[in-house]
Amino acid sequence: MNKLGTFTAIAKGASYLGLALNQIVKLAAHGTRNATDFVIDRKRYNIELLVSGATIQTKQNQTGAQLAKIVRIMSEVGVEQAIITSTTKEEK
């Protein structure tokens, strides 16, 4: 039983270490994205997708690449109109 307890403690410690490393990587990625956007002054957009004048979905804080993808597939999914507004740094 002692070997099983030792193995369980090691496995638990390894899983906690993995979770901690995962959170550190997520935090670093988020910080890097925000720093890059600030330095490059990359624009972000808010997009409202409309069908028959009714808003079916609102997407916020989208990049230019995400905006281009949405505009490309709008007719395929039946979206008739889109209201696109540029976000300011205060809204982020």
C-alpha atoms as a PDB file:
ATOM      1  CA  MET A   1       0.000   0.000   0.000  1.00  0.00           C
ATOM      2  CA  ASN A   2       2.923   2.306   0.660  1.00  0.00           C
ATOM      3  CA  LYS A   3       4.066   2.073  -2.985  1.00  0.00           C
ATOM      4  CA  LEU A   4       0.573   2.908  -4.197  1.00  0.00           C
ATOM      5  CA  GLY A   5       0.384   5.938  -1.902  1.00  0.00           C
ATOM      6  CA  THR A   6       3.775   7.177  -3.097  1.00  0.00           C
ATOM      7  CA  PHE A   7       2.790   6.702  -6.758  1.00  0.00           C
ATOM      8  CA  THR A   8      -0.504   8.537  -6.185  1.00  0.00           C
ATOM      9  CA  ALA A   9       1.272  11.469  -4.537  1.00  0.00           C
ATOM     10  CA  ILE A  10       3.782  11.689  -7.411  1.00  0.00           C
ATOM     11  CA  ALA A  11       1.026  11.483 -10.036  1.00  0.00           C
ATOM     12  CA  LYS A  12      -0.996  14.156  -8.247  1.00  0.00           C
ATOM     13  CA  GLY A  13       2.031  16.437  -8.019  1.00  0.00           C
ATOM     14  CA  ALA A  14       2.777  15.931 -11.711  1.00  0.00           C
ATOM     15  CA  SER A  15      -0.807  16.780 -12.657  1.00  0.00           C
ATOM     16  CA  TYR A  16      -0.724  19.960 -10.543  1.00  0.00           C
ATOM     17  CA  LEU A  17       2.577  20.918 -12.164  1.00  0.00           C
ATOM     18  CA  GLY A  18       1.054  20.371 -15.617  1.00  0.00           C
ATOM     19  CA  LEU A  19      -1.967  22.499 -14.756  1.00  0.00           C
ATOM     20  CA  ALA A  20       0.262  25.271 -13.411  1.00  0.00           C
ATOM     21  CA  LEU A  21       2.415  25.249 -16.548  1.00  0.00           C
ATOM     22  CA  ASN A  22      -0.712  25.366 -18.713  1.00  0.00           C
ATOM     23  CA  GLN A  23      -1.994  28.444 -16.876  1.00  0.00           C
ATOM     24  CA  ILE A  24       1.399  30.142 -17.154  1.00  0.00           C
ATOM     25  CA  VAL A  25       1.441  29.553 -20.918  1.00  0.00           C
ATOM     26  CA  LYS A  26      -2.114  30.928 -21.249  1.00  0.00           C
ATOM     27  CA  LEU A  27      -1.177  34.035 -19.257  1.00  0.00           C
ATOM     28  CA  ALA A  28       1.959  34.575 -21.347  1.00  0.00           C
ATOM     29  CA  ALA A  29      -0.011  34.197 -24.598  1.00  0.00           C
ATOM     30  CA  HIS A  30      -2.633  36.693 -23.435  1.00  0.00           C
ATOM     31  CA  GLY A  31       0.022  39.204 -22.364  1.00  0.00           C
ATOM     32  CA  THR A  32       1.943  38.772 -25.605  1.00  0.00           C
ATOM     33  CA  ARG A  33      -1.205  39.319 -27.690  1.00  0.00           C
ATOM     34  CA  ASN A  34      -2.081  42.497 -25.799  1.00  0.00           C
ATOM     35  CA  ALA A  35       1.488  43.825 -26.017  1.00  0.00           C
ATOM     36  CA  THR A  36       1.644  43.095 -29.744  1.00  0.00           C
ATOM     37  CA  ASP A  37      -1.694  44.813 -30.355  1.00  0.00           C
ATOM     38  CA  PHE A  38      -0.505  47.848 -28.398  1.00  0.00           C
ATOM     39  CA  VAL A  39       2.866  48.138 -30.175  1.00  0.00           C
ATOM     40  CA  ILE A  40       1.613  47.434 -33.688  1.00  0.00           C
ATOM     41  CA  ASP A  41      -1.621  49.369 -33.072  1.00  0.00           C
ATOM     42  CA  ARG A  42      -3.599  46.516 -34.579  1.00  0.00           C
ATOM     43  CA  LYS A  43      -7.275  47.317 -35.006  1.00  0.00           C
ATOM     44  CA  ARG A  44     -10.062  45.211 -33.528  1.00  0.00           C
ATOM     45  CA  TYR A  45     -13.659  45.172 -34.692  1.00  0.00           C
ATOM     46  CA  ASN A  46     -17.134  44.568 -33.297  1.00  0.00           C
ATOM     47  CA  ILE A  47     -19.430  42.788 -35.764  1.00  0.00           C
ATOM     48  CA  GLU A  48     -23.228  42.462 -35.691  1.00  0.00           C
ATOM     49  CA  LEU A  49     -24.653  39.852 -38.065  1.00  0.00           C
ATOM     50  CA  LEU A  50     -28.196  40.588 -39.292  1.00  0.00           C
ATOM     51  CA  VAL A  51     -30.865  38.485 -41.009  1.00  0.00           C
ATOM     52  CA  SER A  52     -34.067  40.263 -42.048  1.00  0.00           C
ATOM     53  CA  GLY A  53     -33.084  43.247 -39.927  1.00  0.00           C
ATOM     54  CA  ALA A  54     -32.744  41.211 -36.722  1.00  0.00           C
ATOM     55  CA  THR A  55     -29.397  40.722 -35.016  1.00  0.00           C
ATOM     56  CA  ILE A  56     -28.640  37.003 -34.848  1.00  0.00           C
ATOM     57  CA  GLN A  57     -25.139  37.216 -33.433  1.00  0.00           C
ATOM     58  CA  THR A  58     -22.727  39.831 -32.106  1.00  0.00           C
ATOM     59  CA  LYS A  59     -18.994  39.209 -32.213  1.00  0.00           C
ATOM     60  CA  GLN A  60     -16.728  41.521 -30.261  1.00  0.00           C
ATOM     61  CA  ASN A  61     -13.004  42.266 -30.342  1.00  0.00           C
ATOM     62  CA  GLN A  62     -12.346  40.470 -33.668  1.00  0.00           C
ATOM     63  CA  THR A  63      -9.092  40.829 -35.609  1.00  0.00           C
ATOM     64  CA  GLY A  64      -8.876  41.823 -39.255  1.00  0.00           C
ATOM     65  CA  ALA A  65      -8.303  38.198 -40.282  1.00  0.00           C
ATOM     66  CA  GLN A  66     -11.391  37.060 -38.358  1.00  0.00           C
ATOM     67  CA  LEU A  67     -13.392  39.896 -39.945  1.00  0.00           C
ATOM     68  CA  ALA A  68     -12.279  38.838 -43.443  1.00  0.00           C
ATOM     69  CA  LYS A  69     -13.269  35.223 -42.744  1.00  0.00           C
ATOM     70  CA  ILE A  70     -16.723  36.260 -41.526  1.00  0.00           C
ATOM     71  CA  VAL A  71     -17.310  38.477 -44.557  1.00  0.00           C
ATOM     72  CA  ARG A  72     -16.244  35.631 -46.883  1.00  0.00           C
ATOM     73  CA  ILE A  73     -18.715  33.127 -45.454  1.00  0.00           C
ATOM     74  CA  MET A  74     -21.662  35.482 -44.853  1.00  0.00           C
ATOM     75  CA  SER A  75     -23.581  34.511 -47.999  1.00  0.00           C
ATOM     76  CA  GLU A  76     -22.998  30.789 -47.409  1.00  0.00           C
ATOM     77  CA  VAL A  77     -24.702  30.878 -44.004  1.00  0.00           C
ATOM     78  CA  GLY A  78     -27.536  33.243 -44.965  1.00  0.00           C
ATOM     79  CA  VAL A  79     -26.389  36.459 -43.295  1.00  0.00           C
ATOM     80  CA  GLU A  80     -27.781  39.426 -45.229  1.00  0.00           C
ATOM     81  CA  GLN A  81     -26.054  42.341 -43.494  1.00  0.00           C
ATOM     82  CA  ALA A  82     -23.257  43.058 -41.085  1.00  0.00           C
ATOM     83  CA  ILE A  83     -22.627  46.170 -39.011  1.00  0.00           C
ATOM     84  CA  ILE A  84     -18.889  46.535 -38.455  1.00  0.00           C
ATOM     85  CA  THR A  85     -17.485  49.055 -35.993  1.00  0.00           C
ATOM     86  CA  SER A  86     -13.889  49.613 -34.996  1.00  0.00           C
ATOM     87  CA  THR A  87     -13.150  49.276 -31.284  1.00  0.00           C
ATOM     88  CA  THR A  88     -11.118  51.824 -29.370  1.00  0.00           C
ATOM     89  CA  LYS A  89      -8.350  51.039 -26.906  1.00  0.00           C
ATOM     90  CA  GLU A  90     -10.632  52.004 -23.998  1.00  0.00           C
ATOM     91  CA  GLU A  91     -13.210  49.343 -25.003  1.00  0.00           C
ATOM     92  CA  LYS A  92     -10.661  46.527 -25.018  1.00  0.00           C
END
